[in-house]
Each structure stands twice: as C-alpha cells, then as structure tokens.
Protein backbone atom coordinates (compact mmCIF):
# COMPACT_ATOMS: atom_id res chain seq x y z
CA UNK A 1 14.17 72.19 -57.10
CA UNK A 2 12.99 68.54 -56.15
CA UNK A 3 15.58 66.47 -55.89
CA UNK A 4 15.12 62.68 -57.32
CA UNK A 5 15.52 61.34 -53.42
CA UNK A 6 12.16 63.23 -53.22
CA UNK A 7 10.57 61.87 -56.45
CA UNK A 8 11.23 58.27 -55.73
CA UNK A 9 12.49 57.85 -52.34
CA UNK A 10 13.28 53.55 -52.78
CA UNK A 11 15.73 54.92 -55.52
CA UNK A 12 19.09 53.64 -54.58
CA UNK A 13 21.30 53.98 -57.21
CA UNK A 14 21.78 56.40 -59.58
CA UNK A 15 23.77 58.32 -62.53
CA UNK A 16 24.89 62.04 -62.45
CA UNK A 17 27.65 64.67 -63.42
CA UNK A 18 29.42 66.67 -61.32
CA UNK A 19 29.14 70.53 -61.87
CA UNK A 20 31.00 72.07 -58.88
CA UNK A 21 33.87 70.76 -56.71
CA UNK A 22 34.98 73.43 -53.82
CA UNK A 23 37.16 72.97 -50.54
CA UNK A 24 35.27 73.87 -47.61
CA UNK A 25 35.87 74.10 -43.65
CA UNK A 26 31.95 73.34 -42.55
CA UNK A 27 31.54 71.61 -40.22
CA UNK A 28 29.77 68.15 -40.51
CA UNK A 29 26.61 67.86 -37.83
CA UNK A 30 25.62 64.43 -37.04
CA UNK A 31 22.16 64.30 -35.01
CA UNK A 32 23.15 67.75 -34.03
CA UNK A 33 26.77 66.84 -32.84
CA UNK A 34 29.75 69.15 -35.20
CA UNK A 35 32.96 67.73 -36.01
CA UNK A 36 35.12 69.82 -37.66
CA UNK A 37 36.04 69.19 -41.44
CA UNK A 38 38.28 70.15 -44.20
CA UNK A 39 37.57 68.45 -47.39
CA UNK A 40 35.09 69.17 -50.76
CA UNK A 41 31.59 70.30 -51.57
CA UNK A 42 30.62 68.50 -54.71
CA UNK A 43 27.50 69.62 -56.92
CA UNK A 44 25.83 67.15 -59.21
CA UNK A 45 23.13 67.73 -61.53
CA UNK A 46 20.85 65.76 -59.53
CA UNK A 47 20.77 63.49 -56.22
CA UNK A 48 19.59 60.72 -54.28
CA UNK A 49 20.72 61.35 -51.43
CA UNK A 50 18.97 63.85 -48.83
CA UNK A 51 20.31 66.85 -48.15
CA UNK A 52 18.95 67.68 -44.26
CA UNK A 53 15.58 69.57 -43.62
CA UNK A 54 12.10 69.34 -42.22
CA UNK A 55 13.52 67.37 -39.08
CA UNK A 56 14.76 64.61 -41.00
CA UNK A 57 19.31 64.47 -41.00
CA UNK A 58 21.06 63.80 -44.13
CA UNK A 59 21.89 60.61 -46.35
CA UNK A 60 24.92 58.97 -45.86
CA UNK A 61 26.32 57.20 -49.11
CA UNK A 62 28.83 57.45 -51.99
CA UNK A 63 30.31 59.22 -55.30
CA UNK A 64 31.34 56.60 -57.23
CA UNK A 65 33.93 55.16 -54.59
CA UNK A 66 34.02 58.81 -52.69
CA UNK A 67 32.60 58.57 -49.17
CA UNK A 68 29.96 61.12 -48.64
CA UNK A 69 30.09 62.29 -45.28
CA UNK A 70 27.10 64.68 -45.07
CA UNK A 71 24.57 66.64 -47.85
CA UNK A 72 22.79 70.10 -47.23
CA UNK A 73 20.99 71.85 -49.25
CA UNK A 74 21.95 75.78 -50.18
CA UNK A 75 19.22 77.16 -52.39
CA UNK A 76 18.21 74.75 -55.55
CA UNK A 77 21.57 72.90 -55.11
CA UNK A 78 22.76 69.45 -52.68
CA UNK A 79 25.88 69.97 -51.75
CA UNK A 80 27.73 66.59 -51.14
CA UNK A 81 30.71 66.58 -48.32
CA UNK A 82 33.64 64.45 -49.31
CA UNK A 83 37.15 64.12 -48.33
CA UNK A 84 38.38 63.68 -51.98
CA UNK A 85 37.87 65.80 -54.77
CA UNK A 86 36.15 65.00 -58.18
CA UNK A 87 36.84 66.39 -61.47
CA UNK A 88 33.89 68.69 -62.85
CA UNK A 89 32.23 66.93 -65.92
CA UNK A 90 32.53 63.41 -64.29
CA UNK A 91 29.79 61.20 -64.51
CA UNK A 92 29.57 59.98 -61.12
CA UNK A 93 27.53 56.60 -59.76
CA UNK A 94 25.73 57.81 -56.39
CA UNK A 95 24.49 54.82 -53.93
CA UNK A 96 22.84 55.05 -51.11
CA UNK A 97 23.27 54.26 -47.10
CA UNK A 98 19.92 52.02 -47.74
CA UNK A 99 19.81 51.02 -43.79
CA UNK A 100 19.92 54.57 -42.74
CA UNK A 101 17.78 55.83 -45.11
CA UNK A 102 14.98 53.50 -44.65
CA UNK A 103 15.86 54.07 -40.63
CA UNK A 104 15.18 57.89 -41.44
CA UNK A 105 11.72 57.06 -43.83
CA UNK A 106 10.32 54.95 -41.03
CA UNK A 107 10.88 57.67 -38.37
CA UNK A 108 9.82 60.48 -40.38
CA UNK A 109 6.73 59.08 -41.61
CA UNK A 110 5.75 57.74 -38.19
CA UNK A 111 5.87 61.11 -36.93
CA UNK A 112 3.87 62.70 -39.53
CA UNK A 113 1.62 59.35 -38.59
CA UNK A 114 1.38 59.99 -34.82
CA UNK A 115 0.80 63.88 -35.05
CA UNK A 116 -2.19 63.91 -37.30
CA UNK A 117 -3.72 61.77 -35.34
CA UNK A 118 -3.09 63.69 -31.65
CA UNK A 119 -4.18 66.94 -33.60
CA UNK A 120 -6.65 65.82 -35.67
CA UNK A 121 -8.46 62.95 -32.81
CA UNK A 122 -6.94 64.64 -29.48
CA UNK A 123 -6.47 68.58 -30.48
CA UNK A 124 -2.70 67.97 -29.51
CA UNK A 125 -0.55 69.85 -32.43
CA UNK A 126 2.91 69.47 -32.95
CA UNK A 127 5.15 72.17 -32.51
CA UNK A 128 8.44 70.51 -33.48
CA UNK A 129 10.05 67.36 -33.60
CA UNK A 130 13.22 65.74 -33.82
CA UNK A 131 14.68 62.77 -35.21
CA UNK A 132 17.62 61.44 -33.01
CA UNK A 133 20.03 58.46 -33.41
CA UNK A 134 18.49 56.41 -30.90
CA UNK A 135 15.31 57.75 -30.74
CA UNK A 136 12.84 60.83 -32.01
CA UNK A 137 10.62 62.61 -29.94
CA UNK A 138 7.51 65.37 -30.81
CA UNK A 139 7.10 68.94 -29.17
CA UNK A 140 3.73 69.08 -28.07
CA UNK A 141 2.16 72.59 -26.85
CA UNK A 142 0.95 71.33 -23.59
CA UNK A 143 2.46 70.47 -20.01
CA UNK A 144 1.32 67.37 -19.58
CA UNK A 145 -0.35 64.70 -21.55
CA UNK A 146 -2.87 61.82 -19.96
CA UNK A 147 -1.52 58.48 -20.21
CA UNK A 148 -4.76 57.07 -21.65
CA UNK A 149 -4.66 59.38 -24.66
CA UNK A 150 -1.14 58.33 -25.17
CA UNK A 151 -2.03 54.46 -25.01
CA UNK A 152 -5.23 55.31 -27.25
CA UNK A 153 -2.91 56.89 -30.09
CA UNK A 154 -0.46 54.38 -30.12
CA UNK A 155 -3.05 51.76 -30.50
CA UNK A 156 -4.48 53.52 -33.56
CA UNK A 157 -1.96 54.54 -35.38
CA UNK A 158 -0.76 50.78 -35.61
CA UNK A 159 -4.41 49.63 -36.23
CA UNK A 160 -4.07 52.39 -39.00
CA UNK A 161 -0.44 50.84 -40.03
CA UNK A 162 -2.02 47.23 -40.29
CA UNK A 163 -4.10 48.91 -43.02
CA UNK A 164 -1.51 49.58 -45.08
CA UNK A 165 -2.36 52.95 -46.48
CA UNK A 166 -0.89 54.62 -49.15
CA UNK A 167 1.06 57.23 -48.71
CA UNK A 168 1.54 59.47 -51.69
CA UNK A 169 3.23 62.72 -52.86
CA UNK A 170 1.63 65.60 -54.49
CA UNK A 171 3.37 68.30 -55.82
CA UNK A 172 1.92 72.05 -55.75
CA UNK A 173 3.41 75.27 -56.64
CA UNK A 174 3.13 77.91 -54.05
CA UNK A 175 -0.39 79.32 -55.46
CA UNK A 176 -1.84 76.16 -55.59
CA UNK A 177 -5.27 75.95 -53.80
CA UNK A 178 -4.66 72.19 -52.34
CA UNK A 179 -1.89 73.83 -50.48
CA UNK A 180 -5.37 74.85 -47.85
CA UNK A 181 -5.07 71.54 -46.58
CA UNK A 182 -1.88 71.18 -45.14
CA UNK A 183 -0.03 72.36 -42.57
CA UNK A 184 3.68 73.77 -42.72
CA UNK A 185 5.84 72.44 -40.52
CA UNK A 186 9.38 73.38 -40.14
CA UNK A 187 9.56 73.47 -44.06
CA UNK A 188 12.70 75.13 -45.44
CA UNK A 189 12.13 78.83 -47.47
CA UNK A 190 14.03 77.23 -50.38
CA UNK A 191 11.37 74.85 -50.84
CA UNK A 192 8.86 76.63 -51.37
CA UNK A 193 9.20 77.34 -55.64
CA UNK A 194 7.66 73.58 -56.27
CA UNK A 195 6.19 72.20 -52.79
CA UNK A 196 5.78 68.58 -51.79
CA UNK A 197 2.33 66.84 -49.95
CA UNK A 198 2.27 63.88 -47.99
CA UNK A 199 -0.84 62.61 -48.04
CA UNK A 200 -1.36 59.47 -45.85
CA UNK A 201 -4.37 57.68 -47.38
CA UNK A 202 -7.46 60.38 -45.75
CA UNK A 203 -5.88 60.70 -42.31
CA UNK A 204 -3.23 63.20 -43.19
CA UNK A 205 -1.72 65.97 -45.75
CA UNK A 206 1.07 67.83 -44.86
CA UNK A 207 3.99 69.48 -46.46
CA UNK A 208 7.30 68.04 -46.55
CA UNK A 209 10.83 68.06 -47.94
CA UNK A 210 11.56 64.62 -46.70
CA UNK A 211 11.58 60.96 -47.33
CA UNK A 212 8.85 58.80 -46.70
CA UNK A 213 7.20 55.21 -47.08
CA UNK A 214 4.94 54.62 -49.81
CA UNK A 215 2.61 52.91 -47.40
CA UNK A 216 1.91 52.72 -43.42
CA UNK A 217 2.78 48.91 -43.74
CA UNK A 218 6.40 49.30 -44.18
CA UNK A 219 6.62 51.22 -40.62
CA UNK A 220 5.38 47.76 -38.98
CA UNK A 221 5.02 49.08 -35.56
CA UNK A 222 4.91 52.62 -33.57
CA UNK A 223 6.15 52.57 -29.97
CA UNK A 224 5.60 55.44 -27.69
CA UNK A 225 8.29 55.22 -25.00
CA UNK A 226 6.75 57.98 -22.75
CA UNK A 227 6.17 61.87 -22.34
CA UNK A 228 8.76 64.02 -20.84
CA UNK A 229 8.64 67.59 -19.69
CA UNK A 230 9.93 70.09 -22.44
CA UNK A 231 11.10 73.67 -22.89
CA UNK A 232 8.59 76.56 -21.77
CA UNK A 233 5.53 74.06 -20.49
CA UNK A 234 5.53 72.19 -23.52
CA UNK A 235 5.74 67.96 -23.60
CA UNK A 236 8.16 65.70 -25.71
CA UNK A 237 6.38 62.79 -26.84
CA UNK A 238 9.31 59.82 -27.24
CA UNK A 239 9.21 57.40 -29.78
CA UNK A 240 10.28 54.49 -32.19
CA UNK A 241 8.93 53.09 -35.34
CA UNK A 242 9.26 49.91 -37.39
CA UNK A 243 13.40 48.37 -37.40
CA UNK A 244 13.92 50.29 -34.21
CA UNK A 245 11.25 48.82 -32.12
CA UNK A 246 13.11 45.52 -33.01
CA UNK A 247 16.43 46.60 -32.38
CA UNK A 248 15.29 47.92 -28.76
CA UNK A 249 13.44 44.56 -27.94
CA UNK A 250 16.26 42.63 -29.08
CA UNK A 251 18.76 44.86 -26.53
CA UNK A 252 16.21 44.56 -24.15
CA UNK A 253 15.86 40.68 -24.26
CA UNK A 254 19.79 40.56 -24.52
CA UNK A 255 20.36 42.23 -20.75
CA UNK A 256 17.39 40.05 -19.94
CA UNK A 257 19.56 36.67 -20.79
CA UNK A 258 22.15 38.24 -19.08
CA UNK A 259 20.30 39.05 -16.07
CA UNK A 260 18.76 35.55 -15.79
CA UNK A 261 22.19 34.13 -15.63
CA UNK A 262 23.29 36.79 -12.96
CA UNK A 263 20.48 35.89 -10.82
CA UNK A 264 19.89 32.33 -11.51
CA UNK A 265 16.30 32.68 -11.53
CA UNK A 266 13.24 32.54 -14.32
CA UNK A 267 12.54 36.04 -15.48
CA UNK A 268 8.94 36.16 -14.53
CA UNK A 269 10.49 36.50 -11.15
CA UNK A 270 13.43 38.97 -11.65
CA UNK A 271 11.47 41.47 -10.05
CA UNK A 272 10.45 39.74 -6.95
CA UNK A 273 14.45 38.72 -6.60
CA UNK A 274 15.91 42.23 -7.11
CA UNK A 275 13.37 43.70 -4.83
CA UNK A 276 14.40 40.89 -2.18
CA UNK A 277 18.22 41.49 -2.94
CA UNK A 278 17.15 45.30 -2.38
CA UNK A 279 16.03 44.63 1.03
CA UNK A 280 19.00 42.19 2.03
CA UNK A 281 21.56 45.00 0.94
CA UNK A 282 19.57 47.58 3.26
CA UNK A 283 20.04 45.43 6.12
CA UNK A 284 23.57 44.44 5.26
CA UNK A 285 24.58 48.03 4.61
CA UNK A 286 22.53 48.88 8.30
CA UNK A 287 24.82 46.33 9.37
CA UNK A 288 27.91 47.63 8.16
CA UNK A 289 27.38 51.35 9.34
CA UNK A 290 27.16 50.07 12.81
CA UNK A 291 30.41 48.10 12.49
CA UNK A 292 31.91 51.25 11.10
CA UNK A 293 30.35 52.95 14.00
CA UNK A 294 31.80 50.72 16.67
CA UNK A 295 34.96 50.67 14.49
CA UNK A 296 35.10 54.47 14.62
CA UNK A 297 34.97 54.58 18.36
CA UNK A 298 37.57 51.71 18.54
CA UNK A 299 39.98 53.88 16.67
CA UNK A 300 39.36 57.00 18.83
CA UNK A 301 40.12 55.57 21.80
CA UNK A 302 43.04 53.60 20.96
CA UNK A 303 44.35 57.00 19.97
CA UNK A 304 43.48 58.88 23.02
CA UNK A 305 44.82 55.81 25.19
CA UNK A 306 48.00 55.85 23.61
CA UNK A 307 51.25 56.68 25.35
CA UNK A 308 52.89 58.79 24.65
CA UNK A 309 50.12 60.70 23.15
CA UNK A 310 50.73 60.83 18.75
CA UNK A 311 51.31 64.45 17.33
CA UNK A 312 48.95 62.99 14.51
CA UNK A 313 46.92 60.34 12.87
CA UNK A 314 46.95 59.27 9.29
CA UNK A 315 44.17 56.86 8.37
CA UNK A 316 43.54 55.32 5.22
CA UNK A 317 41.16 52.66 4.68
CA UNK A 318 40.26 51.77 1.55
CA UNK A 319 36.75 50.56 2.59
CA UNK A 320 35.62 53.49 4.83
CA UNK A 321 32.89 55.59 4.44
CA UNK A 322 32.83 59.36 4.43
CA UNK A 323 30.68 58.89 7.74
CA UNK A 324 33.98 56.60 9.39
CA UNK A 325 36.02 59.37 8.54
CA UNK A 326 33.68 62.29 9.63
CA UNK A 327 33.52 60.25 12.84
CA UNK A 328 36.77 59.79 13.51
CA UNK A 329 37.90 63.48 13.20
CA UNK A 330 34.99 64.33 14.92
CA UNK A 331 36.18 62.07 18.14
CA UNK A 332 39.09 63.50 18.14
CA UNK A 333 38.77 67.26 17.26
CA UNK A 334 39.20 68.18 21.58
CA UNK A 335 42.73 66.24 21.42
CA UNK A 336 45.10 69.08 19.19
CA UNK A 337 46.26 66.13 16.90
CA UNK A 338 46.56 66.73 13.20
CA UNK A 339 44.37 64.30 11.47
CA UNK A 340 44.55 62.76 7.93
CA UNK A 341 41.69 60.05 6.75
CA UNK A 342 40.90 58.86 3.63
CA UNK A 343 39.14 56.73 1.71
CA UNK A 344 38.08 54.97 -1.77
CA UNK A 345 35.05 55.47 -3.89
CA UNK A 346 33.57 52.06 -4.51
CA UNK A 347 33.46 52.16 -8.37
CA UNK A 348 36.72 54.63 -8.52
CA UNK A 349 39.55 52.97 -6.44
CA UNK A 350 42.06 56.40 -8.00
CA UNK A 351 39.47 58.59 -6.58
CA UNK A 352 38.16 59.03 -3.14
CA UNK A 353 37.74 61.36 -0.06
CA UNK A 354 39.91 62.98 2.14
CA UNK A 355 39.59 64.67 5.37
CA UNK A 356 42.72 67.45 6.92
CA UNK A 357 41.89 68.22 10.48
CA UNK A 358 44.32 69.78 13.31
CA UNK A 359 45.96 72.89 14.77
CA UNK A 360 46.21 75.54 12.17
CA UNK A 361 50.55 75.92 12.07
CA UNK A 362 50.18 72.26 10.77
CA UNK A 363 47.35 72.65 8.30
CA UNK A 364 48.89 75.52 6.58
CA UNK A 365 52.39 74.00 6.27
CA UNK A 366 51.03 70.12 5.42
CA UNK A 367 47.24 71.21 3.47
CA UNK A 368 48.61 72.95 0.30
CA UNK A 369 51.08 69.83 -0.19
CA UNK A 370 48.47 66.75 0.30
CA UNK A 371 45.74 68.64 -1.95
CA UNK A 372 48.25 69.33 -4.84
CA UNK A 373 49.85 65.61 -4.41
CA UNK A 374 46.22 64.35 -4.54
CA UNK A 375 44.71 66.47 -6.54
CA UNK A 376 42.19 67.26 -4.24
CA UNK A 377 39.26 69.79 -4.31
CA UNK A 378 38.02 71.66 -2.11
CA UNK A 379 38.36 74.42 0.76
CA UNK A 380 39.94 74.67 4.47
CA UNK A 381 37.20 75.83 6.94
CA UNK A 382 37.79 76.63 10.34
CA UNK A 383 40.47 74.43 10.46
CA UNK A 384 39.63 71.38 8.51
CA UNK A 385 39.50 70.86 4.82
CA UNK A 386 36.62 68.02 3.77
CA UNK A 387 36.73 67.41 0.09
CA UNK A 388 37.82 65.04 -3.34
CA UNK A 389 40.55 63.52 -3.87
CA UNK A 390 40.90 62.44 -7.88
CA UNK A 391 44.59 60.50 -7.74
CA UNK A 392 44.90 59.16 -4.46
CA UNK A 393 48.20 56.60 -5.94
CA UNK A 394 50.12 59.47 -4.27
CA UNK A 395 48.58 58.33 -0.78
CA UNK A 396 52.05 56.86 0.17
CA UNK A 397 53.98 60.10 -0.45
CA UNK A 398 51.89 62.11 1.65
CA UNK A 399 52.37 59.67 4.64
CA UNK A 400 56.02 59.91 4.14
CA UNK A 401 55.29 63.92 4.17
CA UNK A 402 53.65 64.06 7.19
CA UNK A 403 56.02 61.29 9.29
CA UNK A 404 58.81 63.59 8.07
CA UNK A 405 57.31 66.64 9.39
CA UNK A 406 56.48 65.33 12.65
CA UNK A 407 59.70 63.71 13.12
CA UNK A 408 61.77 67.27 12.06
CA UNK A 409 59.40 69.20 14.50
CA UNK A 410 61.13 66.84 17.35
C-alpha cells in the first residue's frame, strides 16, 4: 500500500477512519533510542503520518487531539502509537508535526542527491545511511576519502540545488522494466507490491518509501561535516541539509559572541588570543608544578624533623595534584609512618585522589574503613593504596578515625 504521505509529502492535514485500536507494550524508538511504552496502536484507513522506513524516522502528529508518539509499518498497515484509545469507526483528523517532517524530507532528499553524485561521478557507492536528531551520515565502502573529492562533491550538490531540479515520484509494479534504472537501498520487503521511485531530474532514480521535497531548491544547502572511520574499513560521511545548516550556524554564531565577551577581543583574533592563553597556561602550570615540588619537599622535611616523630601523616590539600601527593609518599616511605594524602578533582569538588601508605598492621585496620567512607575505588599493593574517591564529604570523619586509632595505641 502507498500511504497518503507517500502520495503527497506536503499534505499537513487529512481525514480518515479508525479501523483498529489495540493495546500494545511495544517500545517507542526515537533516533535509535528505545524507551518503554504502554498504550495503544491505532490503524486508520489511510495516513499522512510516515511510518519509519528506508532510513527515515517516523513522523509525529495527532489523531484529533490525541498525540501520536510513533508510527510503524506492519504489512499494508501503519500503526499509530498513542496513550489514549480511539473507538473503531471514528472519523479522525490527522495532523502532522510539520517542522519534524520537513526536516526529515530535507535530510532524506539531500542524502539521495549526495549518494548519487558520489556514486556516478566518483564511483563511491553508498552502502547505508543514518538520519539522526542532529546530523546524518552515509556509509561509503572505502577506508578513506580524499578531502578534495569531498569539496568537489559538496560544490556539485549545491550547484544542482541552485538549479531547482524537480524531484518526482514514479509508481511501478514489481515487474516494471523501469525498475532496471533504480538501485534498491534498504527498501522494506512489504513495499514491493507498488514501488516508488524517487527521480531527481536526470541525476538520479532510486527506489524509496520515504518522503521527499518536490524540487532541490527546497533543500537550501548541503554541508559536509567531515569523514570518519566506520565499521569494517568503511567511511562515515557526516552531513547537514537545509534548516539544520542554518541552525548549526546560529549555534556557532552564539558561541562566537559569547567567546567575544569572555576574551574581550575581535572574533578575527580569537585563534591568536587562545594560542597565547594556551602558551601562558603552560608556563603558569610549569611554575605551579615547581612550587608544588618545593612545597612537597618542605612538608617532607617538616615531618622528618618534627620531634617527637609523628606516627601518622594526614594531608588533605584541595589544590594539590596527584604528583604532589605521590612526592609526599615517596619522600616519607622509609620513615615507617602511616600516611594519608588526598586532593580534589579541579572540576569535581566531591571527587578526588587518595593515597594510603604505611605499615601493614595499620593499613589493614584503617584502609578498608577509609575507602568505605570515601567510596574509594582501587586496591592495596605493596603496602600502598592509590585510587579514586567518589565522595570526599567524609574527609573529616577519616581524619578523626585516624586520630582516634593512633591515640588508642598510645
């Protein structure tokens, strides 16, 4: 069956009759993410809401005022998933979430154009494609693609968009000789009775069950985002079409404006200023490490020279680095002391690094209790525990635990 949405992809409202309404627990899938669902699947005589297929996600919309959360094809039927039932025999007005639908039309038609140019002009056939919520990609059966080819492909696609080539639909039967001109790419088996062929001028003809624009000018623009390694030696070519290009440009512009306020500089000098800041940061960080090294040596000498000699060292410095803590432990490892060092993660004040080191009899008693309080992850090895603490809120409790333990020994 060819649904109404496949006859006219621009139809936004349509009246039909409910022929089935059944309860269902089939999950709802949104751009590949599955969520539990309990509700109803409603079948109408015909629909303008596209059921997922051919790489294109399902439409969203309404049956009267009842929200449709998913549409799936089952044989000749389109199942509309809703939270509320609708009585069989009811005439309903179907309305579509047009912004979502038109976005899918732009991406899908753009994919047809992009794949056609890659294959016919560069012998790079598309093996699959994915339409995501933010961007899309096509899979090319080659380990890598020459960047110059991608530049030419993008330029060629946009030049064809500017010519407003018509995009038409031809309906054929399975034995129609016109099918010899098309390539089957992911067409569902239950679409094989009446077959749709999407024709982009004289550039491409392809079998497809999805919805498409009526001419290439409605794509506005295609932007290739880059090629990435795919599965089994293939390449994923990420792209945007139409309004998604405008949206990402607006996001980039907003970020540039925010960066301009922070840097207090002209946008043309952002790169220069950031490079300068990075260089300054490396210098400051190197100086900080030198200061921390000197501080660690000072702390080591202070402990060694302290009289009477302490039985333990408890050191929690929020700003300390792992290198600082390790330096303290290394400098005191021959002193026979129980040592506890901790520091915070820069951007996660409740998390940090801990090191426990010392005589085995003390570590056996205190180690498990400390790691339990701080939710530490790691293991004791050669008389030392080094790992992560996911909750430093109990640091004072650990300090009292260690104090009480050694006071009791006295």
